[in-house]
N, C-alpha and C. Protein backbone atom coordinates (compact mmCIF):
# COMPACT_ATOMS: atom_id res chain seq x y z
N MET A 1 -2.99 -14.52 5.81
CA MET A 1 -3.99 -13.68 5.19
C MET A 1 -4.04 -12.35 5.92
N LYS A 2 -4.61 -11.39 5.30
CA LYS A 2 -4.58 -10.04 5.85
C LYS A 2 -5.86 -9.74 6.63
N LYS A 3 -5.67 -8.94 7.66
CA LYS A 3 -6.79 -8.53 8.48
C LYS A 3 -7.79 -7.70 7.69
N TYR A 4 -7.29 -6.91 6.74
CA TYR A 4 -8.17 -6.04 5.96
C TYR A 4 -9.07 -6.85 5.03
N ASP A 5 -8.58 -7.97 4.53
CA ASP A 5 -9.43 -8.84 3.71
C ASP A 5 -10.57 -9.41 4.56
N PHE A 6 -10.26 -9.76 5.79
CA PHE A 6 -11.29 -10.27 6.69
C PHE A 6 -12.34 -9.21 6.98
N LEU A 7 -11.90 -7.99 7.27
CA LEU A 7 -12.84 -6.91 7.57
C LEU A 7 -13.67 -6.51 6.36
N SER A 8 -13.06 -6.49 5.18
CA SER A 8 -13.83 -6.15 3.99
C SER A 8 -14.82 -7.26 3.66
N GLY A 9 -14.47 -8.51 3.95
CA GLY A 9 -15.42 -9.61 3.77
C GLY A 9 -16.62 -9.47 4.70
N LEU A 10 -16.37 -9.07 5.93
CA LEU A 10 -17.48 -8.84 6.87
C LEU A 10 -18.37 -7.69 6.40
N PHE A 11 -17.76 -6.63 5.90
CA PHE A 11 -18.54 -5.51 5.40
C PHE A 11 -19.41 -5.93 4.22
N LEU A 12 -18.83 -6.68 3.29
CA LEU A 12 -19.59 -7.13 2.13
C LEU A 12 -20.71 -8.09 2.54
N LEU A 13 -20.48 -8.90 3.57
CA LEU A 13 -21.53 -9.78 4.06
C LEU A 13 -22.69 -8.98 4.64
N LEU A 14 -22.39 -7.97 5.43
CA LEU A 14 -23.44 -7.12 5.99
C LEU A 14 -24.18 -6.36 4.89
N LEU A 15 -23.45 -5.89 3.90
CA LEU A 15 -24.07 -5.21 2.77
C LEU A 15 -25.00 -6.14 2.01
N SER A 16 -24.58 -7.36 1.79
CA SER A 16 -25.43 -8.30 1.05
C SER A 16 -26.67 -8.68 1.86
N ILE A 17 -26.55 -8.80 3.16
CA ILE A 17 -27.72 -9.10 4.00
C ILE A 17 -28.72 -7.95 3.93
N GLY A 18 -28.23 -6.73 4.05
CA GLY A 18 -29.11 -5.57 3.95
C GLY A 18 -29.78 -5.47 2.59
N THR A 19 -29.05 -5.76 1.53
CA THR A 19 -29.61 -5.71 0.19
C THR A 19 -30.64 -6.81 -0.01
N CYS A 20 -30.40 -7.98 0.52
CA CYS A 20 -31.38 -9.07 0.42
C CYS A 20 -32.68 -8.71 1.14
N ILE A 21 -32.57 -8.08 2.28
CA ILE A 21 -33.77 -7.67 3.03
C ILE A 21 -34.57 -6.64 2.24
N MET A 22 -33.87 -5.66 1.68
CA MET A 22 -34.55 -4.62 0.89
C MET A 22 -35.16 -5.20 -0.39
N ALA A 23 -34.46 -6.13 -1.01
CA ALA A 23 -34.99 -6.76 -2.23
C ALA A 23 -36.22 -7.62 -1.91
N TYR A 24 -36.21 -8.27 -0.76
CA TYR A 24 -37.37 -9.06 -0.36
C TYR A 24 -38.60 -8.17 -0.17
N ARG A 25 -38.38 -6.99 0.39
CA ARG A 25 -39.49 -6.05 0.58
C ARG A 25 -40.05 -5.55 -0.74
N LEU A 26 -39.19 -5.46 -1.78
CA LEU A 26 -39.67 -5.04 -3.09
C LEU A 26 -40.52 -6.11 -3.76
N GLY A 27 -40.26 -7.34 -3.45
CA GLY A 27 -41.03 -8.46 -4.02
C GLY A 27 -40.28 -9.13 -5.15
N PHE A 28 -40.43 -10.47 -5.22
CA PHE A 28 -39.72 -11.24 -6.23
C PHE A 28 -40.53 -11.40 -7.51
N GLY A 29 -41.83 -11.42 -7.38
CA GLY A 29 -42.66 -11.73 -8.54
C GLY A 29 -42.63 -13.23 -8.78
N ASN A 30 -42.85 -13.64 -10.02
CA ASN A 30 -42.74 -15.05 -10.36
C ASN A 30 -41.92 -15.18 -11.64
N ILE A 31 -41.83 -16.39 -12.16
CA ILE A 31 -40.95 -16.65 -13.31
C ILE A 31 -41.41 -15.89 -14.55
N SER A 32 -42.73 -15.85 -14.77
CA SER A 32 -43.22 -15.18 -15.99
C SER A 32 -43.20 -13.66 -15.86
N THR A 33 -43.42 -13.14 -14.68
CA THR A 33 -43.38 -11.69 -14.45
C THR A 33 -42.49 -11.40 -13.24
N PRO A 34 -41.18 -11.27 -13.46
CA PRO A 34 -40.28 -11.03 -12.33
C PRO A 34 -40.53 -9.66 -11.71
N GLY A 35 -40.41 -9.62 -10.39
CA GLY A 35 -40.59 -8.37 -9.66
C GLY A 35 -39.31 -7.56 -9.62
N PRO A 36 -39.38 -6.35 -9.07
CA PRO A 36 -38.19 -5.49 -9.04
C PRO A 36 -37.10 -5.97 -8.08
N GLY A 37 -37.42 -6.84 -7.14
CA GLY A 37 -36.42 -7.28 -6.18
C GLY A 37 -35.72 -8.57 -6.55
N LEU A 38 -36.14 -9.21 -7.66
CA LEU A 38 -35.59 -10.53 -8.00
C LEU A 38 -34.11 -10.46 -8.35
N ILE A 39 -33.73 -9.59 -9.25
CA ILE A 39 -32.32 -9.51 -9.67
C ILE A 39 -31.46 -8.97 -8.53
N ALA A 40 -31.97 -8.00 -7.79
CA ALA A 40 -31.20 -7.46 -6.66
C ALA A 40 -30.98 -8.53 -5.60
N PHE A 41 -32.00 -9.34 -5.34
CA PHE A 41 -31.86 -10.41 -4.35
C PHE A 41 -30.85 -11.45 -4.82
N GLY A 42 -30.95 -11.85 -6.07
CA GLY A 42 -30.01 -12.85 -6.59
C GLY A 42 -28.57 -12.36 -6.55
N THR A 43 -28.36 -11.11 -6.94
CA THR A 43 -27.01 -10.56 -6.93
C THR A 43 -26.48 -10.44 -5.50
N ALA A 44 -27.32 -9.98 -4.59
CA ALA A 44 -26.90 -9.84 -3.20
C ALA A 44 -26.65 -11.20 -2.55
N ALA A 45 -27.44 -12.21 -2.94
CA ALA A 45 -27.22 -13.55 -2.39
C ALA A 45 -25.88 -14.12 -2.86
N ILE A 46 -25.55 -13.91 -4.13
CA ILE A 46 -24.26 -14.38 -4.64
C ILE A 46 -23.12 -13.64 -3.94
N LEU A 47 -23.27 -12.32 -3.76
CA LEU A 47 -22.25 -11.54 -3.05
C LEU A 47 -22.11 -12.05 -1.62
N GLY A 48 -23.22 -12.38 -0.97
CA GLY A 48 -23.18 -12.90 0.39
C GLY A 48 -22.45 -14.22 0.48
N LEU A 49 -22.69 -15.11 -0.46
CA LEU A 49 -22.00 -16.40 -0.45
C LEU A 49 -20.50 -16.23 -0.67
N MET A 50 -20.14 -15.35 -1.60
CA MET A 50 -18.72 -15.13 -1.85
C MET A 50 -18.04 -14.45 -0.65
N SER A 51 -18.74 -13.54 0.01
CA SER A 51 -18.14 -12.89 1.18
C SER A 51 -18.02 -13.85 2.36
N ILE A 52 -18.97 -14.79 2.49
CA ILE A 52 -18.83 -15.82 3.53
C ILE A 52 -17.58 -16.65 3.26
N GLY A 53 -17.37 -17.02 2.01
CA GLY A 53 -16.16 -17.77 1.66
C GLY A 53 -14.90 -16.97 1.95
N MET A 54 -14.95 -15.67 1.65
CA MET A 54 -13.79 -14.81 1.89
C MET A 54 -13.50 -14.68 3.39
N VAL A 55 -14.53 -14.50 4.18
CA VAL A 55 -14.36 -14.37 5.63
C VAL A 55 -13.81 -15.66 6.23
N LEU A 56 -14.38 -16.79 5.85
CA LEU A 56 -13.91 -18.06 6.41
C LEU A 56 -12.49 -18.38 5.96
N SER A 57 -12.18 -18.12 4.71
CA SER A 57 -10.83 -18.37 4.21
C SER A 57 -9.81 -17.53 4.96
N ASN A 58 -10.10 -16.25 5.15
CA ASN A 58 -9.17 -15.39 5.86
C ASN A 58 -9.10 -15.72 7.34
N LEU A 59 -10.21 -16.12 7.93
CA LEU A 59 -10.21 -16.50 9.33
C LEU A 59 -9.33 -17.72 9.56
N PHE A 60 -9.49 -18.75 8.73
CA PHE A 60 -8.65 -19.94 8.86
C PHE A 60 -7.19 -19.63 8.53
N GLY A 61 -6.96 -18.74 7.56
CA GLY A 61 -5.59 -18.35 7.22
C GLY A 61 -4.91 -17.61 8.35
N MET A 62 -5.65 -16.72 9.02
CA MET A 62 -5.06 -15.99 10.16
C MET A 62 -4.75 -16.94 11.30
N ILE A 63 -5.61 -17.92 11.52
CA ILE A 63 -5.36 -18.89 12.60
C ILE A 63 -4.13 -19.72 12.28
N ARG A 64 -4.00 -20.19 11.02
CA ARG A 64 -2.83 -20.96 10.61
C ARG A 64 -1.55 -20.14 10.71
N ALA A 65 -1.60 -18.88 10.25
CA ALA A 65 -0.41 -18.03 10.27
C ALA A 65 0.03 -17.74 11.70
N HIS A 66 -0.94 -17.56 12.58
CA HIS A 66 -0.60 -17.28 13.98
C HIS A 66 0.03 -18.49 14.64
N GLN A 67 -0.40 -19.67 14.28
CA GLN A 67 0.14 -20.87 14.88
C GLN A 67 1.51 -21.23 14.33
N GLN A 68 1.80 -20.85 13.07
CA GLN A 68 3.01 -21.32 12.42
C GLN A 68 4.24 -20.45 12.66
N LYS A 69 4.08 -19.14 12.71
CA LYS A 69 5.29 -18.31 12.78
C LYS A 69 5.09 -17.12 13.71
N LYS A 70 6.21 -16.54 14.07
CA LYS A 70 6.18 -15.34 14.89
C LYS A 70 5.90 -14.14 14.01
N VAL A 71 5.46 -13.06 14.61
CA VAL A 71 5.04 -11.88 13.87
C VAL A 71 6.21 -11.18 13.19
N PHE A 72 7.31 -10.99 13.87
CA PHE A 72 8.42 -10.20 13.35
C PHE A 72 9.58 -11.06 12.88
N GLN A 73 9.31 -12.28 12.51
CA GLN A 73 10.36 -13.17 12.06
C GLN A 73 10.81 -12.78 10.65
N GLY A 74 12.09 -12.72 10.43
CA GLY A 74 12.62 -12.45 9.10
C GLY A 74 12.86 -10.97 8.80
N ILE A 75 12.63 -10.07 9.73
CA ILE A 75 12.87 -8.65 9.50
C ILE A 75 14.33 -8.35 9.77
N ARG A 76 14.96 -7.68 8.84
CA ARG A 76 16.36 -7.28 9.02
C ARG A 76 16.36 -5.93 9.76
N TRP A 77 16.49 -5.99 11.07
CA TRP A 77 16.33 -4.82 11.92
C TRP A 77 17.41 -3.78 11.70
N LYS A 78 18.64 -4.19 11.45
CA LYS A 78 19.73 -3.22 11.26
C LYS A 78 19.47 -2.36 10.02
N ILE A 79 19.04 -2.99 8.95
CA ILE A 79 18.76 -2.24 7.72
C ILE A 79 17.55 -1.34 7.91
N LEU A 80 16.55 -1.82 8.61
CA LEU A 80 15.35 -1.02 8.87
C LEU A 80 15.70 0.23 9.66
N VAL A 81 16.48 0.08 10.70
CA VAL A 81 16.87 1.23 11.52
C VAL A 81 17.76 2.19 10.73
N LEU A 82 18.65 1.66 9.91
CA LEU A 82 19.52 2.50 9.09
C LEU A 82 18.73 3.30 8.06
N VAL A 83 17.74 2.69 7.44
CA VAL A 83 16.90 3.40 6.47
C VAL A 83 16.10 4.49 7.17
N LEU A 84 15.51 4.17 8.32
CA LEU A 84 14.74 5.18 9.06
C LEU A 84 15.62 6.35 9.50
N CYS A 85 16.82 6.04 9.98
CA CYS A 85 17.74 7.11 10.39
C CYS A 85 18.17 7.96 9.21
N SER A 86 18.39 7.32 8.05
CA SER A 86 18.79 8.10 6.88
C SER A 86 17.66 9.00 6.41
N LEU A 87 16.42 8.57 6.52
CA LEU A 87 15.29 9.42 6.13
C LEU A 87 15.14 10.59 7.10
N VAL A 88 15.35 10.34 8.39
CA VAL A 88 15.30 11.44 9.36
C VAL A 88 16.45 12.41 9.10
N GLY A 89 17.63 11.88 8.81
CA GLY A 89 18.77 12.74 8.49
C GLY A 89 18.54 13.55 7.22
N TYR A 90 17.88 12.96 6.25
CA TYR A 90 17.54 13.67 5.01
C TYR A 90 16.66 14.88 5.33
N GLY A 91 15.67 14.66 6.18
CA GLY A 91 14.79 15.77 6.55
C GLY A 91 15.51 16.85 7.34
N MET A 92 16.45 16.45 8.17
CA MET A 92 17.17 17.43 8.98
C MET A 92 18.20 18.22 8.16
N ALA A 93 18.82 17.56 7.17
CA ALA A 93 19.87 18.21 6.39
C ALA A 93 19.35 18.87 5.13
N PHE A 94 18.08 18.77 4.87
CA PHE A 94 17.50 19.25 3.61
C PHE A 94 17.73 20.75 3.41
N ASN A 95 17.47 21.56 4.43
CA ASN A 95 17.64 23.01 4.30
C ASN A 95 19.11 23.41 4.27
N THR A 96 19.95 22.68 4.95
CA THR A 96 21.36 23.03 5.02
C THR A 96 22.11 22.62 3.76
N LEU A 97 21.95 21.39 3.34
CA LEU A 97 22.69 20.87 2.19
C LEU A 97 22.02 21.17 0.86
N GLY A 98 20.73 21.38 0.87
CA GLY A 98 20.00 21.62 -0.37
C GLY A 98 19.44 20.33 -0.94
N PHE A 99 18.53 20.48 -1.89
CA PHE A 99 17.82 19.34 -2.45
C PHE A 99 18.75 18.40 -3.21
N ASN A 100 19.55 18.93 -4.11
CA ASN A 100 20.36 18.08 -4.99
C ASN A 100 21.37 17.24 -4.22
N LEU A 101 22.15 17.86 -3.37
CA LEU A 101 23.18 17.13 -2.64
C LEU A 101 22.56 16.15 -1.65
N CYS A 102 21.52 16.58 -0.97
CA CYS A 102 20.86 15.73 0.01
C CYS A 102 20.24 14.50 -0.66
N THR A 103 19.59 14.71 -1.80
CA THR A 103 18.98 13.59 -2.51
C THR A 103 20.03 12.65 -3.06
N PHE A 104 21.13 13.19 -3.56
CA PHE A 104 22.23 12.36 -4.06
C PHE A 104 22.79 11.47 -2.95
N LEU A 105 23.05 12.06 -1.79
CA LEU A 105 23.61 11.28 -0.66
C LEU A 105 22.63 10.24 -0.16
N LEU A 106 21.35 10.60 -0.09
CA LEU A 106 20.34 9.63 0.36
C LEU A 106 20.25 8.46 -0.61
N MET A 107 20.25 8.73 -1.90
CA MET A 107 20.16 7.65 -2.88
C MET A 107 21.39 6.76 -2.83
N MET A 108 22.56 7.36 -2.63
CA MET A 108 23.78 6.54 -2.51
C MET A 108 23.69 5.60 -1.32
N LEU A 109 23.24 6.12 -0.19
CA LEU A 109 23.13 5.30 1.01
C LEU A 109 22.10 4.19 0.82
N LEU A 110 20.93 4.54 0.30
CA LEU A 110 19.88 3.55 0.14
C LEU A 110 20.25 2.47 -0.88
N LEU A 111 20.91 2.86 -1.95
CA LEU A 111 21.30 1.88 -2.95
C LEU A 111 22.39 0.94 -2.44
N ARG A 112 23.28 1.44 -1.60
CA ARG A 112 24.28 0.56 -1.00
C ARG A 112 23.64 -0.39 -0.01
N ILE A 113 22.62 0.07 0.71
CA ILE A 113 21.92 -0.79 1.67
C ILE A 113 21.16 -1.89 0.93
N VAL A 114 20.53 -1.52 -0.18
CA VAL A 114 19.75 -2.49 -0.94
C VAL A 114 20.64 -3.61 -1.45
N GLY A 115 21.84 -3.29 -1.79
CA GLY A 115 22.75 -4.35 -2.16
C GLY A 115 23.43 -4.20 -3.49
N LEU A 116 23.37 -3.02 -4.11
CA LEU A 116 24.14 -2.81 -5.33
C LEU A 116 25.61 -2.77 -4.95
N LYS A 117 26.40 -3.64 -5.53
CA LYS A 117 27.80 -3.78 -5.12
C LYS A 117 28.75 -2.88 -5.91
N LYS A 118 28.39 -2.57 -7.13
CA LYS A 118 29.29 -1.79 -7.97
C LYS A 118 29.11 -0.30 -7.72
N TRP A 119 30.21 0.37 -7.37
CA TRP A 119 30.13 1.78 -7.03
C TRP A 119 29.74 2.64 -8.22
N TRP A 120 30.19 2.29 -9.41
CA TRP A 120 29.85 3.10 -10.58
C TRP A 120 28.35 3.06 -10.84
N LEU A 121 27.72 1.93 -10.56
CA LEU A 121 26.27 1.82 -10.73
C LEU A 121 25.54 2.65 -9.67
N VAL A 122 26.02 2.59 -8.44
CA VAL A 122 25.41 3.38 -7.36
C VAL A 122 25.55 4.87 -7.65
N LEU A 123 26.74 5.31 -8.05
CA LEU A 123 26.97 6.73 -8.34
C LEU A 123 26.15 7.21 -9.52
N SER A 124 26.12 6.43 -10.59
CA SER A 124 25.39 6.88 -11.77
C SER A 124 23.89 6.92 -11.53
N PHE A 125 23.37 5.93 -10.84
CA PHE A 125 21.95 5.93 -10.55
C PHE A 125 21.57 7.05 -9.59
N SER A 126 22.43 7.34 -8.62
CA SER A 126 22.15 8.42 -7.67
C SER A 126 22.14 9.77 -8.37
N VAL A 127 23.10 9.99 -9.26
CA VAL A 127 23.12 11.24 -10.02
C VAL A 127 21.88 11.34 -10.90
N LEU A 128 21.54 10.25 -11.56
CA LEU A 128 20.37 10.23 -12.44
C LEU A 128 19.09 10.55 -11.68
N VAL A 129 18.91 9.95 -10.52
CA VAL A 129 17.70 10.20 -9.71
C VAL A 129 17.68 11.64 -9.21
N ALA A 130 18.80 12.15 -8.73
CA ALA A 130 18.84 13.52 -8.22
C ALA A 130 18.53 14.53 -9.32
N VAL A 131 19.11 14.35 -10.49
CA VAL A 131 18.88 15.29 -11.60
C VAL A 131 17.45 15.17 -12.13
N ALA A 132 16.97 13.94 -12.29
CA ALA A 132 15.62 13.74 -12.81
C ALA A 132 14.55 14.30 -11.87
N THR A 133 14.70 14.06 -10.57
CA THR A 133 13.70 14.59 -9.64
C THR A 133 13.79 16.11 -9.55
N TYR A 134 15.00 16.66 -9.68
CA TYR A 134 15.13 18.12 -9.66
C TYR A 134 14.37 18.73 -10.84
N PHE A 135 14.60 18.21 -12.03
CA PHE A 135 13.92 18.76 -13.20
C PHE A 135 12.41 18.50 -13.16
N LEU A 136 12.01 17.38 -12.59
CA LEU A 136 10.58 17.11 -12.43
C LEU A 136 9.92 18.13 -11.53
N PHE A 137 10.53 18.39 -10.38
CA PHE A 137 9.93 19.33 -9.43
C PHE A 137 10.04 20.77 -9.90
N VAL A 138 11.11 21.11 -10.60
CA VAL A 138 11.21 22.46 -11.17
C VAL A 138 10.14 22.63 -12.23
N GLY A 139 9.90 21.60 -13.04
CA GLY A 139 8.85 21.65 -14.04
C GLY A 139 7.47 21.79 -13.43
N LEU A 140 7.28 21.27 -12.23
CA LEU A 140 6.01 21.40 -11.52
C LEU A 140 5.89 22.72 -10.77
N GLY A 141 6.97 23.49 -10.75
CA GLY A 141 6.93 24.80 -10.10
C GLY A 141 7.31 24.79 -8.63
N CYS A 142 7.94 23.74 -8.15
CA CYS A 142 8.36 23.67 -6.75
C CYS A 142 9.71 24.37 -6.58
N GLU A 143 9.88 25.01 -5.45
CA GLU A 143 11.16 25.64 -5.13
C GLU A 143 11.78 24.91 -3.96
N PHE A 144 13.08 24.61 -4.10
CA PHE A 144 13.80 23.91 -3.06
C PHE A 144 14.94 24.76 -2.56
N PRO A 145 15.39 24.52 -1.33
CA PRO A 145 16.56 25.25 -0.83
C PRO A 145 17.80 24.83 -1.60
N ARG A 146 18.65 25.81 -1.88
CA ARG A 146 19.87 25.54 -2.66
C ARG A 146 20.99 24.97 -1.79
N GLY A 147 20.99 25.25 -0.51
CA GLY A 147 22.03 24.73 0.34
C GLY A 147 23.22 25.67 0.39
N PHE A 148 24.23 25.31 1.19
CA PHE A 148 25.38 26.18 1.38
C PHE A 148 26.30 26.22 0.17
N LEU A 149 26.23 25.22 -0.70
CA LEU A 149 27.06 25.21 -1.90
C LEU A 149 26.41 25.97 -3.06
N GLY A 150 25.15 26.31 -2.92
CA GLY A 150 24.44 27.01 -3.98
C GLY A 150 24.00 26.08 -5.10
N VAL A 151 24.00 24.79 -4.84
CA VAL A 151 23.63 23.81 -5.85
C VAL A 151 22.18 23.40 -5.66
C-alpha cells in the first residue's frame, strides 16, 4: 500500500473529528425537528469510519509489504541508468543538434530499450513522433533551435 493513502486517511480522520465537534456544537435536535448539526455529524461520522478503515488497511498493508520483499527488488538498473543518461544527453545536445534530430534519436533509443525488435517499426514511430511534436509545438508558437543541419 502507498504511504500517501495512509497520510490522506489520517487527514480525513482529523477532518471528520473536527467536523463532528463543530456539528455537535450546532446541536442535533430530535427526530421530529432535526437541528443544523445532525446531517453534518452523520456525514462526518461516516467519513471518520471510512478513514479509520483506510488508515488501518494501509497500515497493515505497509507492514506486510515491508516484511515480504525488499524495496528495490525487480528494478532493471541498467535500463534505468541508460534512460536517465539518454535524457541528460538529449538536454545537452538539444541546442547543437536541434529539436527534430535530437527527438528522433531519443525516440529511437527509448523504443529500442523498451523492446521493439523490428527496426522499421522503431524508425517509423520515431519519425512520426518527431514530426508530430514539431508541428504541435510550432502550432503552439514555440521556437526551437534548428541545429547545425538547419533541420
